[in-house]
């Protein structure tokens, strides 16, 4: 009886490759579509559907051609097709990125479906492995249970490694494309060795596949997933375990940090300009809702959850001097980019590569302002929106402290803003609302003490003559951007925070109501 050891190796590598491709599929799509539960549900659901088809096909195929060389050929083709996925997907995703920039809903959806369909053939072929291997390995009925159990255990162990290895090590080191190539190549090599041992001529007939993959890679991979904006150039792009990161610079010397789908500018930098009249500036206004006179000297310490490349700390340092600042950013590569390309080297800034809520609870200081800007457009991490989280934030504020939260909306749908307002009012006595001009962003400011919106104008009028112009200009803009604070009946808690459901509804309504035309007019 022939040894099954090599067959077990093939099953192990096949199981590892299948889950590695599934994990990397989410990253491939995440570079454009983000990583919401909706994206994960589509990826996991369709992968399971393809595997189900593979199980049926594998059993049928094994009964008609119960030979190892047949299994090896099937998996070699699966490995080859999985290596083609990122190459074929890249121009599709590039077109999807353009569609996102112009909000062409049909093309966005079509591109998403097209990429998911690309996985049908390779994953289905991978699904044939276990039933095929059981058919080959079982020699008598008495050992059928033991052999099939062993094969499923080996395949599942490979799947376990294929789940953790890409996320923790491979994708951050070699990127999405490299991860596809590494795991597909591993399966290809193992099965080619097996096929060579069974039928060298058949192995030689399939030896052309790496050359095709390499040739297509040279043609496709030289272009970025997302092209630079008009008048800008790409300074840097890379992948981390969390994000596709791109830095662009325009002709005026402004640098912009884009992540994933590129629908939000996460940081902006200019060597001599500090204020941009955009979302980051409004965080400067947060403490001035306190009763007048509140002066710049009273701002003593800042914490930022969602540091990105450091625009907010740079502005605070420019206005208030070298006050202590703690910045929390879950993606350590973004911190590296901030230091290298956004002058995020202020000695008063301590940057933590960590989850925002986890790290905040381990800081033993109190802050005048805590800023929450942890967007992955259009979503906010749900655990940074709950009553329990804001209680933790309140406990980290000084007696005159304030928390500022960046929230998304559309021109006609403010449900997320109103729900977060209701949540904040469970913890803080006062909440104030500023709509950032020419954007879909609202800044909510909640204060530890009872305050009024009128305090902002009073504190603007009381600013000392020597006040840094950026602060004065920002308070003027903040006063002009105040809108009535409204809350809903929905309150987010750790037990129930339907952020993604709410945002999905908001986005769909925006697209269906002609919001794309509104945005183009703006």
Protein backbone atom coordinates (compact mmCIF):
# COMPACT_ATOMS: atom_id res chain seq x y z
CA UNK A 1 0.00 0.00 0.00
CA UNK A 2 1.38 3.40 -0.98
CA UNK A 3 2.18 5.87 1.76
CA UNK A 4 -0.32 8.67 2.22
CA UNK A 5 2.20 11.08 3.77
CA UNK A 6 2.68 13.17 0.66
CA UNK A 7 -1.07 13.20 0.08
CA UNK A 8 -1.51 14.57 3.60
CA UNK A 9 1.06 17.28 2.83
CA UNK A 10 -0.92 18.28 -0.26
CA UNK A 11 -4.13 18.49 1.78
CA UNK A 12 -2.40 20.57 4.45
CA UNK A 13 -1.04 23.06 1.90
CA UNK A 14 -4.38 23.14 0.08
CA UNK A 15 -6.27 23.94 3.28
CA UNK A 16 -3.72 26.60 4.19
CA UNK A 17 -3.93 28.18 0.74
CA UNK A 18 -7.72 28.20 0.72
CA UNK A 19 -8.03 30.20 3.94
CA UNK A 20 -5.05 32.40 3.08
CA UNK A 21 -6.76 33.33 -0.19
CA UNK A 22 -10.01 34.03 1.68
CA UNK A 23 -8.24 36.30 4.18
CA UNK A 24 -6.32 38.06 1.41
CA UNK A 25 -9.50 38.44 -0.65
CA UNK A 26 -10.90 40.70 2.06
CA UNK A 27 -7.71 42.75 1.94
CA UNK A 28 -7.83 42.94 -1.86
CA UNK A 29 -11.39 44.25 -1.74
CA UNK A 30 -10.70 46.34 1.35
CA UNK A 31 -8.28 48.55 -0.58
CA UNK A 32 -11.30 49.98 -2.39
CA UNK A 33 -14.47 48.95 -0.58
CA UNK A 34 -13.29 48.98 3.04
CA UNK A 35 -13.67 46.15 5.54
CA UNK A 36 -17.17 46.52 6.93
CA UNK A 37 -19.26 43.55 8.05
CA UNK A 38 -21.08 43.77 4.72
CA UNK A 39 -17.84 43.19 2.82
CA UNK A 40 -16.83 40.32 5.11
CA UNK A 41 -20.26 38.71 4.79
CA UNK A 42 -20.03 38.75 1.00
CA UNK A 43 -16.50 37.37 0.97
CA UNK A 44 -17.16 34.59 3.49
CA UNK A 45 -20.58 33.70 2.08
CA UNK A 46 -19.43 33.33 -1.50
CA UNK A 47 -16.25 31.49 -0.52
CA UNK A 48 -18.40 28.99 1.37
CA UNK A 49 -20.66 28.68 -1.67
CA UNK A 50 -17.67 27.98 -3.92
CA UNK A 51 -16.31 25.41 -1.45
CA UNK A 52 -19.69 23.71 -1.31
CA UNK A 53 -19.64 23.34 -5.08
CA UNK A 54 -16.09 22.03 -4.82
CA UNK A 55 -17.06 19.33 -2.31
CA UNK A 56 -19.74 17.99 -4.66
CA UNK A 57 -17.46 18.24 -7.67
CA UNK A 58 -14.55 16.59 -5.83
CA UNK A 59 -16.58 13.55 -4.84
CA UNK A 60 -17.94 13.14 -8.35
CA UNK A 61 -14.53 13.64 -9.96
CA UNK A 62 -12.75 11.26 -7.60
CA UNK A 63 -15.14 8.41 -8.43
CA UNK A 64 -14.52 8.86 -12.14
CA UNK A 65 -10.76 9.34 -12.03
CA UNK A 66 -9.42 8.03 -8.69
CA UNK A 67 -5.80 8.88 -9.41
CA UNK A 68 -3.36 11.11 -7.55
CA UNK A 69 -2.20 12.72 -10.78
CA UNK A 70 -5.78 13.94 -11.33
CA UNK A 71 -5.91 15.57 -7.89
CA UNK A 72 -2.51 17.19 -8.42
CA UNK A 73 -3.57 18.59 -11.79
CA UNK A 74 -6.81 19.98 -10.31
CA UNK A 75 -4.94 21.79 -7.52
CA UNK A 76 -2.23 23.04 -9.87
CA UNK A 77 -4.92 24.70 -11.95
CA UNK A 78 -6.48 26.08 -8.77
CA UNK A 79 -3.14 27.54 -7.70
CA UNK A 80 -2.60 29.07 -11.13
CA UNK A 81 -6.06 30.65 -11.23
CA UNK A 82 -5.73 32.01 -7.69
CA UNK A 83 -2.44 33.66 -8.70
CA UNK A 84 -4.29 35.32 -11.58
CA UNK A 85 -6.98 36.79 -9.31
CA UNK A 86 -5.06 39.87 -8.09
CA UNK A 87 -3.70 40.48 -11.59
CA UNK A 88 -7.12 40.43 -13.24
CA UNK A 89 -8.70 42.24 -10.30
CA UNK A 90 -6.22 45.12 -10.31
CA UNK A 91 -7.56 46.96 -13.39
CA UNK A 92 -11.11 46.24 -12.21
CA UNK A 93 -10.32 47.74 -8.81
CA UNK A 94 -8.58 50.70 -10.42
CA UNK A 95 -11.79 51.40 -12.32
CA UNK A 96 -13.76 50.97 -9.09
CA UNK A 97 -11.51 53.55 -7.41
CA UNK A 98 -12.31 55.97 -10.20
CA UNK A 99 -16.01 55.17 -9.80
CA UNK A 100 -15.76 55.91 -6.07
CA UNK A 101 -14.15 59.25 -6.85
CA UNK A 102 -17.08 60.09 -9.14
CA UNK A 103 -19.69 58.16 -7.10
CA UNK A 104 -20.89 55.99 -9.98
CA UNK A 105 -22.98 53.54 -7.96
CA UNK A 106 -23.59 51.01 -10.73
CA UNK A 107 -19.92 50.67 -11.57
CA UNK A 108 -18.98 50.43 -7.90
CA UNK A 109 -21.38 47.52 -7.39
CA UNK A 110 -20.45 45.88 -10.68
CA UNK A 111 -16.76 45.97 -9.88
CA UNK A 112 -17.37 44.44 -6.47
CA UNK A 113 -19.37 41.55 -7.92
CA UNK A 114 -16.81 41.05 -10.71
CA UNK A 115 -13.94 40.64 -8.27
CA UNK A 116 -15.87 38.20 -6.10
CA UNK A 117 -16.73 36.12 -9.18
CA UNK A 118 -13.01 35.83 -9.94
CA UNK A 119 -12.64 33.59 -6.89
CA UNK A 120 -15.25 31.09 -8.09
CA UNK A 121 -12.96 28.85 -10.17
CA UNK A 122 -9.91 28.56 -7.87
CA UNK A 123 -11.87 28.15 -4.63
CA UNK A 124 -14.16 25.57 -6.21
CA UNK A 125 -11.11 23.61 -7.34
CA UNK A 126 -9.59 23.86 -3.85
CA UNK A 127 -12.86 22.51 -2.46
CA UNK A 128 -12.36 19.26 -4.37
CA UNK A 129 -9.25 18.39 -2.37
CA UNK A 130 -10.63 16.76 0.80
CA UNK A 131 -13.29 14.48 -0.76
CA UNK A 132 -10.83 13.54 -3.51
CA UNK A 133 -8.10 12.74 -0.98
CA UNK A 134 -10.47 10.61 1.11
CA UNK A 135 -11.35 8.59 -1.98
CA UNK A 136 -7.66 8.03 -2.68
CA UNK A 137 -6.56 7.32 0.89
CA UNK A 138 -9.28 4.92 2.02
CA UNK A 139 -8.30 1.34 1.24
CA UNK A 140 -10.95 -0.52 3.26
CA UNK A 141 -14.23 0.26 4.98
CA UNK A 142 -12.84 -0.46 8.46
CA UNK A 143 -10.38 2.45 8.21
CA UNK A 144 -12.65 4.91 6.39
CA UNK A 145 -13.60 6.87 9.50
CA UNK A 146 -10.04 7.16 10.77
CA UNK A 147 -8.62 8.21 7.39
CA UNK A 148 -11.35 10.76 6.64
CA UNK A 149 -11.03 12.22 10.13
CA UNK A 150 -7.28 12.53 9.69
CA UNK A 151 -7.65 14.25 6.33
CA UNK A 152 -10.19 16.77 7.64
CA UNK A 153 -7.99 17.42 10.70
CA UNK A 154 -4.93 18.04 8.53
CA UNK A 155 -6.90 20.29 6.18
CA UNK A 156 -8.35 22.25 9.10
CA UNK A 157 -4.91 22.66 10.68
CA UNK A 158 -3.67 24.07 7.39
CA UNK A 159 -6.68 26.37 7.30
CA UNK A 160 -5.88 27.58 10.80
CA UNK A 161 -2.37 28.54 9.76
CA UNK A 162 -3.74 30.09 6.56
CA UNK A 163 -6.02 32.26 8.68
CA UNK A 164 -3.43 33.76 11.00
CA UNK A 165 -0.25 33.79 8.93
CA UNK A 166 -1.41 36.29 6.26
CA UNK A 167 -3.02 38.71 8.74
CA UNK A 168 -0.21 38.69 11.30
CA UNK A 169 2.87 38.38 9.12
CA UNK A 170 2.64 37.92 5.37
CA UNK A 171 0.36 40.78 4.24
CA UNK A 172 2.19 43.43 6.33
CA UNK A 173 5.54 42.23 4.98
CA UNK A 174 4.89 41.46 1.30
CA UNK A 175 1.47 42.98 0.59
CA UNK A 176 -1.70 41.56 -0.93
CA UNK A 177 -0.19 40.61 -4.28
CA UNK A 178 2.81 38.97 -2.65
CA UNK A 179 0.54 36.99 -0.33
CA UNK A 180 -1.47 35.63 -3.23
CA UNK A 181 1.74 34.64 -5.01
CA UNK A 182 3.33 33.06 -1.93
CA UNK A 183 0.45 30.75 -1.05
CA UNK A 184 -0.56 29.96 -4.62
CA UNK A 185 3.08 29.28 -5.45
CA UNK A 186 3.49 26.98 -2.46
CA UNK A 187 0.54 24.85 -3.54
CA UNK A 188 1.74 24.87 -7.14
CA UNK A 189 5.23 23.66 -6.18
CA UNK A 190 4.00 20.90 -3.87
CA UNK A 191 1.53 19.56 -6.43
CA UNK A 192 4.05 19.80 -9.25
CA UNK A 193 6.42 17.64 -7.19
CA UNK A 194 3.63 15.13 -6.68
CA UNK A 195 2.65 15.17 -10.35
CA UNK A 196 6.27 14.75 -11.42
CA UNK A 197 6.47 11.64 -9.29
CA UNK A 198 3.30 10.30 -10.89
CA UNK A 199 3.63 11.44 -14.50
CA UNK A 200 6.61 13.68 -15.45
CA UNK A 201 5.19 14.44 -18.87
CA UNK A 202 2.03 15.92 -17.37
CA UNK A 203 4.14 18.06 -15.02
CA UNK A 204 6.12 19.45 -17.95
CA UNK A 205 2.88 20.31 -19.75
CA UNK A 206 1.94 22.63 -16.85
CA UNK A 207 5.36 24.20 -16.31
CA UNK A 208 4.39 27.28 -18.36
CA UNK A 209 2.11 28.68 -15.67
CA UNK A 210 4.70 30.66 -13.62
CA UNK A 211 5.91 32.40 -16.79
CA UNK A 212 2.37 33.55 -17.58
CA UNK A 213 1.86 34.87 -14.05
CA UNK A 214 5.22 36.68 -14.13
CA UNK A 215 4.48 38.24 -17.51
CA UNK A 216 1.07 39.49 -16.45
CA UNK A 217 2.54 40.83 -13.20
CA UNK A 218 5.02 42.95 -15.14
CA UNK A 219 2.19 44.39 -17.23
CA UNK A 220 -0.31 45.01 -14.43
CA UNK A 221 1.55 45.67 -11.19
CA UNK A 222 3.53 48.69 -12.36
CA UNK A 223 0.45 50.93 -11.96
CA UNK A 224 -1.00 51.99 -8.60
CA UNK A 225 -4.42 50.73 -7.57
CA UNK A 226 -5.60 54.30 -7.21
CA UNK A 227 -4.32 56.96 -9.58
CA UNK A 228 -3.23 60.32 -8.25
CA UNK A 229 -5.69 63.19 -8.24
CA UNK A 230 -5.40 65.67 -11.08
CA UNK A 231 -2.34 67.88 -10.55
CA UNK A 232 -0.90 65.58 -7.87
CA UNK A 233 1.80 62.94 -7.79
CA UNK A 234 2.07 59.78 -5.70
CA UNK A 235 4.94 60.10 -3.22
CA UNK A 236 4.46 56.80 -1.46
CA UNK A 237 2.20 53.77 -1.28
CA UNK A 238 2.31 50.56 0.69
CA UNK A 239 0.14 48.02 2.43
CA UNK A 240 -0.08 47.26 6.10
CA UNK A 241 -2.03 44.69 8.02
CA UNK A 242 -4.88 47.21 8.22
CA UNK A 243 -4.76 49.52 5.23
CA UNK A 244 -3.70 50.32 1.72
CA UNK A 245 -1.75 53.54 2.35
CA UNK A 246 -1.06 56.22 -0.25
CA UNK A 247 0.49 59.68 0.05
CA UNK A 248 -0.03 62.27 -2.70
CA UNK A 249 1.44 65.75 -3.13
CA UNK A 250 -0.12 68.53 -5.19
CA UNK A 251 1.60 71.31 -7.07
CA UNK A 252 1.27 73.70 -4.10
CA UNK A 253 3.25 71.38 -1.83
CA UNK A 254 0.28 69.99 0.12
CA UNK A 255 0.56 66.33 1.09
CA UNK A 256 -2.47 64.12 1.59
CA UNK A 257 -2.82 60.77 3.31
CA UNK A 258 -5.33 58.42 1.67
CA UNK A 259 -6.35 55.02 3.01
CA UNK A 260 -8.10 52.15 1.27
CA UNK A 261 -10.92 53.41 -0.96
CA UNK A 262 -9.53 56.95 -0.86
CA UNK A 263 -12.83 58.64 -0.05
CA UNK A 264 -11.40 60.51 2.91
CA UNK A 265 -8.23 62.56 3.36
CA UNK A 266 -6.98 61.32 6.71
CA UNK A 267 -4.15 63.83 7.13
CA UNK A 268 -2.92 66.93 5.35
CA UNK A 269 0.44 68.64 5.60
CA UNK A 270 2.18 71.71 4.22
CA UNK A 271 5.60 72.81 5.48
CA UNK A 272 4.49 76.40 6.18
CA UNK A 273 0.69 76.16 6.43
CA UNK A 274 -1.07 74.78 9.50
CA UNK A 275 -4.76 75.58 9.00
CA UNK A 276 -6.88 74.25 6.14
CA UNK A 277 -10.42 75.21 7.14
CA UNK A 278 -11.29 71.52 7.20
CA UNK A 279 -12.28 68.86 9.69
CA UNK A 280 -9.02 68.82 11.67
CA UNK A 281 -9.17 72.55 12.43
CA UNK A 282 -12.48 72.22 14.27
CA UNK A 283 -10.86 70.13 17.00
CA UNK A 284 -9.08 73.34 18.07
CA UNK A 285 -12.45 74.86 18.97
CA UNK A 286 -13.55 72.11 21.37
CA UNK A 287 -12.49 73.65 24.73
CA UNK A 288 -13.90 77.11 23.89
CA UNK A 289 -17.46 76.00 24.59
CA UNK A 290 -16.57 76.39 28.26
CA UNK A 291 -17.78 79.50 30.04
CA UNK A 292 -15.90 82.69 29.17
CA UNK A 293 -13.25 83.66 29.63
CA UNK A 294 -11.52 80.47 28.49
CA UNK A 295 -8.00 81.33 27.35
CA UNK A 296 -5.41 79.37 25.35
CA UNK A 297 -3.27 78.98 28.49
CA UNK A 298 -5.94 76.69 29.94
CA UNK A 299 -5.36 74.04 27.26
CA UNK A 300 -2.90 71.74 29.01
CA UNK A 301 -2.98 68.31 27.37
CA UNK A 302 -4.48 66.61 24.31
CA UNK A 303 -5.27 63.00 23.37
CA UNK A 304 -6.22 61.97 19.83
CA UNK A 305 -7.82 58.64 18.99
CA UNK A 306 -7.28 58.23 15.26
CA UNK A 307 -3.93 59.99 15.03
CA UNK A 308 -3.31 59.18 11.34
CA UNK A 309 -0.30 61.22 10.20
CA UNK A 310 -0.63 63.86 12.90
CA UNK A 311 -2.46 66.87 11.45
CA UNK A 312 -4.37 67.62 14.68
CA UNK A 313 -1.32 67.36 17.00
CA UNK A 314 0.69 69.53 14.60
CA UNK A 315 -2.02 72.20 14.71
CA UNK A 316 -2.29 72.01 18.50
CA UNK A 317 1.48 72.33 18.87
CA UNK A 318 1.49 75.35 16.54
CA UNK A 319 -1.26 77.08 18.55
CA UNK A 320 -0.48 76.03 22.14
CA UNK A 321 3.21 75.25 22.08
CA UNK A 322 4.77 72.03 23.30
CA UNK A 323 1.87 70.80 25.43
CA UNK A 324 1.91 67.03 26.08
CA UNK A 325 0.00 65.12 23.40
CA UNK A 326 -0.84 61.41 23.25
CA UNK A 327 -1.86 60.10 19.83
CA UNK A 328 -3.33 56.63 19.29
CA UNK A 329 -3.32 55.03 15.85
CA UNK A 330 -4.04 51.34 15.36
CA UNK A 331 -1.84 51.09 12.26
CA UNK A 332 1.85 51.42 13.09
CA UNK A 333 2.78 51.92 9.43
CA UNK A 334 0.68 55.07 9.31
CA UNK A 335 2.68 56.40 12.25
CA UNK A 336 5.87 55.66 10.30
CA UNK A 337 4.47 57.50 7.27
CA UNK A 338 3.53 60.46 9.45
CA UNK A 339 7.05 60.73 10.81
CA UNK A 340 8.67 60.36 7.40
CA UNK A 341 6.41 62.51 5.20
CA UNK A 342 4.17 64.67 7.43
CA UNK A 343 6.71 66.08 9.91
CA UNK A 344 5.06 64.20 12.76
CA UNK A 345 8.23 64.48 14.81
CA UNK A 346 7.09 66.88 17.54
CA UNK A 347 8.94 65.98 20.77
CA UNK A 348 5.76 66.68 22.77
CA UNK A 349 3.83 63.95 20.87
CA UNK A 350 3.82 60.35 22.08
CA UNK A 351 2.35 58.04 19.45
CA UNK A 352 0.91 54.62 20.32
CA UNK A 353 0.25 51.92 17.71
CA UNK A 354 -2.76 50.43 19.46
CA UNK A 355 -6.53 50.22 19.60
CA UNK A 356 -7.91 53.58 20.71
CA UNK A 357 -10.19 52.43 23.50
CA UNK A 358 -7.74 49.88 24.84
CA UNK A 359 -4.85 52.37 25.02
CA UNK A 360 -6.92 55.27 26.39
CA UNK A 361 -7.92 53.15 29.37
CA UNK A 362 -4.26 52.50 30.10
CA UNK A 363 -3.20 56.15 30.10
CA UNK A 364 -3.04 57.56 33.62
CA UNK A 365 -3.43 61.23 32.67
CA UNK A 366 -6.30 63.68 32.30
CA UNK A 367 -6.82 65.80 29.21
CA UNK A 368 -8.30 69.17 28.33
CA UNK A 369 -9.41 67.76 24.99
CA UNK A 370 -9.85 64.22 23.70
CA UNK A 371 -10.38 64.03 19.96
CA UNK A 372 -12.01 60.98 18.33
CA UNK A 373 -11.26 60.91 14.61
CA UNK A 374 -11.05 57.17 14.00
CA UNK A 375 -12.93 57.04 10.73
CA UNK A 376 -12.65 54.36 8.07
CA UNK A 377 -15.05 56.20 5.76
CA UNK A 378 -17.93 56.03 6.03
CA UNK A 379 -17.77 53.91 9.18
CA UNK A 380 -16.72 54.58 12.77
CA UNK A 381 -15.50 51.64 14.86
CA UNK A 382 -18.60 50.75 16.87
CA UNK A 383 -16.75 50.37 20.18
CA UNK A 384 -15.79 54.06 19.97
CA UNK A 385 -19.43 55.19 19.88
CA UNK A 386 -21.05 53.72 22.98
CA UNK A 387 -22.22 55.05 26.33
CA UNK A 388 -19.64 52.91 28.08
CA UNK A 389 -16.82 54.27 25.92
CA UNK A 390 -17.81 57.89 26.51
CA UNK A 391 -17.93 57.26 30.24
CA UNK A 392 -14.33 56.13 29.98
CA UNK A 393 -13.54 59.28 27.99
CA UNK A 394 -15.25 61.50 30.59
CA UNK A 395 -13.14 59.98 33.34
CA UNK A 396 -10.00 60.98 31.43
CA UNK A 397 -11.02 64.64 31.05
CA UNK A 398 -10.11 67.54 33.29
CA UNK A 399 -12.94 69.40 35.03
CA UNK A 400 -13.13 71.85 32.09
CA UNK A 401 -12.45 69.13 29.51
CA UNK A 402 -14.24 68.40 26.24
CA UNK A 403 -14.43 65.53 23.77
CA UNK A 404 -14.71 66.21 20.03
CA UNK A 405 -16.01 63.49 17.69
CA UNK A 406 -15.93 63.48 13.89
CA UNK A 407 -19.21 62.08 12.53
CA UNK A 408 -20.44 61.47 8.98
CA UNK A 409 -23.76 62.53 7.45
CA UNK A 410 -25.30 63.56 4.15
CA UNK A 411 -27.11 66.76 3.26
CA UNK A 412 -30.45 65.14 4.07
CA UNK A 413 -29.69 62.30 6.49
CA UNK A 414 -28.35 63.13 9.95
CA UNK A 415 -29.35 59.91 11.71
CA UNK A 416 -25.79 58.99 12.72
CA UNK A 417 -25.12 62.50 14.04
CA UNK A 418 -28.35 62.48 16.03
CA UNK A 419 -27.78 58.99 17.43
CA UNK A 420 -24.26 59.88 18.58
CA UNK A 421 -25.64 63.09 20.09
CA UNK A 422 -28.19 61.05 22.06
CA UNK A 423 -25.41 58.73 23.19
CA UNK A 424 -23.17 61.58 24.32
CA UNK A 425 -26.04 63.17 26.23
CA UNK A 426 -26.27 60.02 28.34
CA UNK A 427 -22.83 60.91 29.71
CA UNK A 428 -22.25 64.66 29.25
CA UNK A 429 -24.49 67.57 30.23
CA UNK A 430 -24.01 69.53 26.98
CA UNK A 431 -23.37 68.66 23.32
CA UNK A 432 -22.69 71.15 20.52
CA UNK A 433 -22.82 70.62 16.76
CA UNK A 434 -20.70 72.09 13.96
CA UNK A 435 -21.14 71.16 10.31
CA UNK A 436 -17.82 71.32 8.49
CA UNK A 437 -18.33 73.43 5.33
CA UNK A 438 -18.22 71.73 1.92
CA UNK A 439 -18.07 68.27 3.45
CA UNK A 440 -20.18 65.46 4.84
CA UNK A 441 -18.58 65.81 8.28
CA UNK A 442 -20.02 67.08 11.54
CA UNK A 443 -17.99 67.73 14.69
CA UNK A 444 -19.81 66.99 17.92
CA UNK A 445 -18.33 68.57 21.07
CA UNK A 446 -19.43 67.31 24.48
CA UNK A 447 -18.29 69.14 27.61
CA UNK A 448 -17.77 67.87 31.13
CA UNK A 449 -19.46 70.97 32.56
CA UNK A 450 -22.83 72.41 31.47
CA UNK A 451 -22.07 74.83 28.63
CA UNK A 452 -23.84 76.85 25.95
CA UNK A 453 -23.10 77.38 22.27
CA UNK A 454 -22.96 81.13 22.90
CA UNK A 455 -19.79 80.62 24.94
CA UNK A 456 -17.89 79.99 21.71
CA UNK A 457 -18.54 83.51 20.40
CA UNK A 458 -17.81 85.03 23.82
CA UNK A 459 -14.47 83.27 24.04
CA UNK A 460 -13.64 84.33 20.48
CA UNK A 461 -14.28 87.96 21.43
CA UNK A 462 -12.12 87.59 24.56
CA UNK A 463 -9.05 86.14 22.81
CA UNK A 464 -5.85 88.05 23.62
CA UNK A 465 -4.47 90.22 20.78
CA UNK A 466 -1.38 88.02 20.49
CA UNK A 467 -3.45 84.87 19.79
CA UNK A 468 -2.08 82.68 17.01
CA UNK A 469 -4.09 83.55 13.84
CA UNK A 470 -4.97 79.90 13.20
CA UNK A 471 -6.91 79.72 16.48
CA UNK A 472 -8.77 82.98 15.85
CA UNK A 473 -9.62 81.99 12.26
CA UNK A 474 -10.81 78.56 13.42
CA UNK A 475 -13.10 79.98 16.11
CA UNK A 476 -14.61 82.38 13.57
CA UNK A 477 -15.29 79.44 11.25
CA UNK A 478 -16.60 77.33 14.13
CA UNK A 479 -19.09 80.02 15.17
CA UNK A 480 -20.31 80.27 11.58
CA UNK A 481 -20.66 76.48 11.36
CA UNK A 482 -22.79 75.98 14.48
CA UNK A 483 -26.12 74.27 13.85
CA UNK A 484 -28.89 73.33 16.30
CA UNK A 485 -28.09 70.20 18.28
CA UNK A 486 -30.66 67.47 17.75
CA UNK A 487 -30.77 63.95 19.13
CA UNK A 488 -32.70 60.81 18.30
CA UNK A 489 -34.08 57.95 20.39
CA UNK A 490 -31.25 55.62 19.37
CA UNK A 491 -28.49 55.26 21.97
CA UNK A 492 -25.40 53.15 21.28
CA UNK A 493 -24.23 50.78 24.00
CA UNK A 494 -21.63 48.02 24.20
CA UNK A 495 -24.53 45.59 24.00
CA UNK A 496 -26.10 47.17 20.92
CA UNK A 497 -24.42 49.60 18.54
CA UNK A 498 -25.82 49.12 15.00
CA UNK A 499 -23.34 51.53 13.45
CA UNK A 500 -22.78 49.62 10.22
CA UNK A 501 -26.48 49.00 9.64
CA UNK A 502 -27.19 52.69 10.09
CA UNK A 503 -24.34 53.81 7.87
CA UNK A 504 -25.19 51.26 5.16
CA UNK A 505 -28.73 52.65 5.09
CA UNK A 506 -27.39 56.20 4.99
CA UNK A 507 -25.11 55.45 2.02
CA UNK A 508 -27.77 53.55 0.07
CA UNK A 509 -30.32 56.31 0.57
CA UNK A 510 -27.74 58.87 -0.52
CA UNK A 511 -27.00 57.01 -3.77
CA UNK A 512 -30.66 56.29 -4.55
CA UNK A 513 -31.76 59.88 -3.88
CA UNK A 514 -29.43 61.40 -6.44
CA UNK A 515 -26.76 62.31 -3.92
CA UNK A 516 -24.06 61.81 -6.52
CA UNK A 517 -25.43 64.73 -8.51
CA UNK A 518 -25.51 66.87 -5.36
CA UNK A 519 -21.89 66.07 -4.66
CA UNK A 520 -20.80 66.93 -8.19
CA UNK A 521 -22.60 70.29 -7.95
CA UNK A 522 -20.82 70.99 -4.67
